[in-house]
Amino acid sequence: MLAGALVFAVASLAYSLAAGALGLLAVRLLHGCGMGLYPTAASAVVADLAPPARRGAVMGTFGAAANIAMALAPIAGLAVADRLGFVPLFQLAACVAAVALLLTQRLPEPARSRATIPFTPGAGERRGPGPLRGPVPSDAGLRCLVTFLPIHARQQDVNPGSSSSCSRSS
């Protein structure tokens, strides 16, 4: 989690320095690494720290919070970018990552289990229709949001790809 928050903070600041498509691609790859590290480790820590009797409820709340954040953060980000510009938006994202880094340092070290868990290929796969198909069923809400939000935006006569997508086009 610490590495993910640090990588995310660095990547957030690096967006304002990226020049050209290759620079943006490099920063996006770095950002993706941070996003791969932090949420994965956070899920494991939440599962480890949750009382066994409430683990399902705690993990469900954690997953719901992540989906809500993924739904609302782009709207908030566009509002900040429209009012202040992209550099302040990147700086704000780096500040959020720095707060996550500080809060993560306060977490207790998870218990280490020495039990060997056998590997079973395909055990985590989920088969389902369209956007619900994938290895992790907990991201089904995000998959639906990413799939259908641009369609809904077009039906509302909003350009989902521009920085001024909070306002209707003329």
Protein backbone atom coordinates (compact mmCIF):
# COMPACT_ATOMS: atom_id res chain seq x y z
CA MET A 1 0.00 0.00 0.00
CA LEU A 2 2.84 2.37 0.81
CA ALA A 3 4.50 1.76 -2.54
CA GLY A 4 1.20 2.20 -4.38
CA ALA A 5 0.41 5.51 -2.66
CA LEU A 6 3.93 6.78 -3.35
CA VAL A 7 3.81 5.76 -7.02
CA PHE A 8 0.35 7.32 -7.35
CA ALA A 9 1.57 10.62 -5.84
CA VAL A 10 4.60 10.75 -8.15
CA ALA A 11 2.49 9.87 -11.21
CA SER A 12 -0.10 12.52 -10.34
CA LEU A 13 2.58 15.21 -10.32
CA ALA A 14 4.23 13.80 -13.44
CA TYR A 15 1.09 14.33 -15.56
CA SER A 16 1.72 18.08 -15.59
CA LEU A 17 5.28 17.44 -16.83
CA ALA A 18 4.39 14.94 -19.55
CA ALA A 19 5.10 16.16 -23.07
CA GLY A 20 3.56 14.45 -26.07
CA ALA A 21 1.77 11.15 -26.41
CA LEU A 22 4.76 9.01 -25.38
CA GLY A 23 5.33 11.05 -22.23
CA LEU A 24 1.66 10.77 -21.33
CA LEU A 25 1.75 7.02 -22.01
CA ALA A 26 4.78 6.60 -19.74
CA VAL A 27 3.10 8.51 -16.91
CA ARG A 28 -0.12 6.56 -17.42
CA LEU A 29 1.80 3.28 -17.17
CA LEU A 30 3.41 4.49 -13.94
CA HIS A 31 0.01 5.58 -12.64
CA GLY A 32 -1.42 2.18 -13.53
CA CYS A 33 1.31 0.49 -11.51
CA GLY A 34 0.34 2.53 -8.46
CA MET A 35 -3.30 1.72 -9.00
CA GLY A 36 -2.41 -1.95 -9.28
CA LEU A 37 -0.45 -1.90 -6.04
CA TYR A 38 -2.60 0.14 -3.67
CA PRO A 39 -6.13 -1.26 -4.15
CA THR A 40 -4.90 -4.84 -4.28
CA ALA A 41 -2.93 -4.50 -1.05
CA ALA A 42 -5.73 -2.49 0.57
CA SER A 43 -8.23 -5.27 -0.11
CA ALA A 44 -5.90 -7.79 1.51
CA VAL A 45 -5.36 -5.54 4.55
CA VAL A 46 -9.11 -4.92 4.95
CA ALA A 47 -9.76 -8.67 4.78
CA ASP A 48 -6.99 -9.30 7.31
CA LEU A 49 -8.11 -6.63 9.78
CA ALA A 50 -11.85 -7.34 9.58
CA PRO A 51 -13.26 -9.60 12.29
CA PRO A 52 -13.93 -13.04 10.73
CA ALA A 53 -17.64 -12.89 11.59
CA ARG A 54 -18.03 -9.54 9.77
CA ARG A 55 -15.48 -10.00 7.00
CA GLY A 56 -18.07 -10.27 4.22
CA ALA A 57 -19.90 -7.12 5.32
CA VAL A 58 -16.67 -5.17 5.73
CA MET A 59 -15.36 -6.27 2.33
CA GLY A 60 -18.72 -5.39 0.75
CA THR A 61 -18.61 -1.90 2.27
CA PHE A 62 -15.02 -1.47 1.12
CA GLY A 63 -15.93 -2.52 -2.42
CA ALA A 64 -19.00 -0.27 -2.47
CA ALA A 65 -16.91 2.70 -1.32
CA ALA A 66 -14.44 2.06 -4.13
CA ASN A 67 -17.23 1.92 -6.73
CA ILE A 68 -18.81 5.12 -5.39
CA ALA A 69 -15.43 6.85 -5.55
CA MET A 70 -14.92 5.67 -9.14
CA ALA A 71 -18.35 7.09 -10.04
CA LEU A 72 -18.00 10.47 -8.32
CA ALA A 73 -14.29 11.30 -8.65
CA PRO A 74 -14.36 11.95 -12.43
CA ILE A 75 -17.22 14.44 -11.95
CA ALA A 76 -15.33 16.20 -9.15
CA GLY A 77 -12.11 16.11 -11.19
CA LEU A 78 -13.79 17.72 -14.19
CA ALA A 79 -15.26 20.43 -11.95
CA VAL A 80 -11.79 21.19 -10.51
CA ALA A 81 -10.21 21.17 -13.98
CA ASP A 82 -12.91 23.48 -15.37
CA ARG A 83 -12.46 26.00 -12.53
CA LEU A 84 -8.73 25.79 -11.78
CA GLY A 85 -7.08 23.90 -14.65
CA PHE A 86 -5.37 20.55 -14.92
CA VAL A 87 -2.15 21.32 -13.03
CA PRO A 88 -4.06 22.10 -9.79
CA LEU A 89 -6.11 18.95 -10.39
CA PHE A 90 -2.92 16.88 -10.61
CA GLN A 91 -1.58 18.58 -7.48
CA LEU A 92 -4.82 17.81 -5.64
CA ALA A 93 -4.58 14.16 -6.70
CA ALA A 94 -1.00 14.05 -5.39
CA CYS A 95 -2.19 15.54 -2.07
CA VAL A 96 -4.88 12.86 -1.80
CA ALA A 97 -2.21 10.21 -2.43
CA ALA A 98 0.03 11.82 0.21
CA VAL A 99 -2.82 11.65 2.74
CA ALA A 100 -3.34 7.98 1.82
CA LEU A 101 0.38 7.42 2.33
CA LEU A 102 0.28 9.03 5.80
CA LEU A 103 -2.84 7.12 6.84
CA THR A 104 -1.44 3.85 5.51
CA GLN A 105 1.65 4.23 7.69
CA ARG A 106 -0.63 4.16 10.76
CA LEU A 107 -2.14 0.77 9.91
CA PRO A 108 -1.06 -2.22 11.99
CA GLU A 109 1.10 -4.77 10.22
CA PRO A 110 -1.15 -7.60 8.98
CA ALA A 111 -0.72 -11.03 10.50
CA ARG A 112 1.45 -13.35 8.44
CA SER A 113 0.13 -16.83 7.81
CA ARG A 114 2.57 -19.64 7.03
CA ALA A 115 -0.15 -21.93 5.65
CA THR A 116 0.39 -23.16 2.11
CA ILE A 117 -2.59 -22.57 -0.16
CA PRO A 118 -2.70 -24.79 -3.25
CA PHE A 119 -2.92 -23.02 -6.60
CA THR A 120 -5.95 -23.94 -8.71
CA PRO A 121 -5.91 -22.48 -12.23
CA GLY A 122 -9.16 -20.74 -13.15
CA ALA A 123 -10.52 -20.79 -9.60
CA GLY A 124 -11.18 -17.03 -9.54
CA GLU A 125 -12.73 -16.72 -12.98
CA ARG A 126 -16.27 -15.52 -13.36
CA ARG A 127 -18.36 -16.22 -16.38
CA GLY A 128 -21.14 -13.77 -17.10
CA PRO A 129 -22.76 -11.59 -19.74
CA GLY A 130 -20.93 -8.70 -21.41
CA PRO A 131 -19.33 -6.22 -19.02
CA LEU A 132 -19.80 -8.58 -16.06
CA ARG A 133 -17.34 -11.12 -17.47
CA GLY A 134 -13.91 -11.11 -15.88
CA PRO A 135 -11.62 -12.48 -13.23
CA VAL A 136 -12.89 -10.32 -10.34
CA PRO A 137 -16.64 -10.12 -9.76
CA SER A 138 -16.23 -7.27 -7.23
CA ASP A 139 -15.54 -4.77 -10.02
CA ALA A 140 -18.84 -5.46 -11.81
CA GLY A 141 -20.20 -2.05 -10.77
CA LEU A 142 -17.21 -0.26 -12.23
CA ARG A 143 -17.42 -2.31 -15.42
CA CYS A 144 -21.06 -1.32 -15.87
CA LEU A 145 -20.29 2.32 -15.12
CA VAL A 146 -17.41 2.46 -17.60
CA THR A 147 -19.46 0.64 -20.23
CA PHE A 148 -22.74 2.53 -20.01
CA LEU A 149 -21.87 6.03 -18.73
CA PRO A 150 -20.48 7.24 -22.10
CA ILE A 151 -23.64 5.97 -23.82
CA HIS A 152 -25.81 7.81 -21.30
CA ALA A 153 -23.69 10.96 -21.69
CA ARG A 154 -24.22 10.92 -25.47
CA GLN A 155 -27.98 10.52 -24.97
CA GLN A 156 -27.91 13.58 -22.69
CA ASP A 157 -26.04 15.53 -25.41
CA VAL A 158 -22.87 15.68 -23.29
CA ASN A 159 -19.39 14.98 -24.63
CA PRO A 160 -17.91 12.43 -22.18
CA GLY A 161 -14.39 13.01 -23.51
CA SER A 162 -13.86 16.75 -23.11
CA SER A 163 -12.77 18.76 -20.10
CA SER A 164 -16.00 20.74 -20.29
CA SER A 165 -18.23 17.66 -20.27
CA CYS A 166 -20.05 18.95 -17.19
CA SER A 167 -21.91 21.41 -19.39
CA ARG A 168 -24.24 20.65 -22.26
CA SER A 169 -22.96 21.20 -25.77
CA SER A 170 -24.79 23.74 -27.94
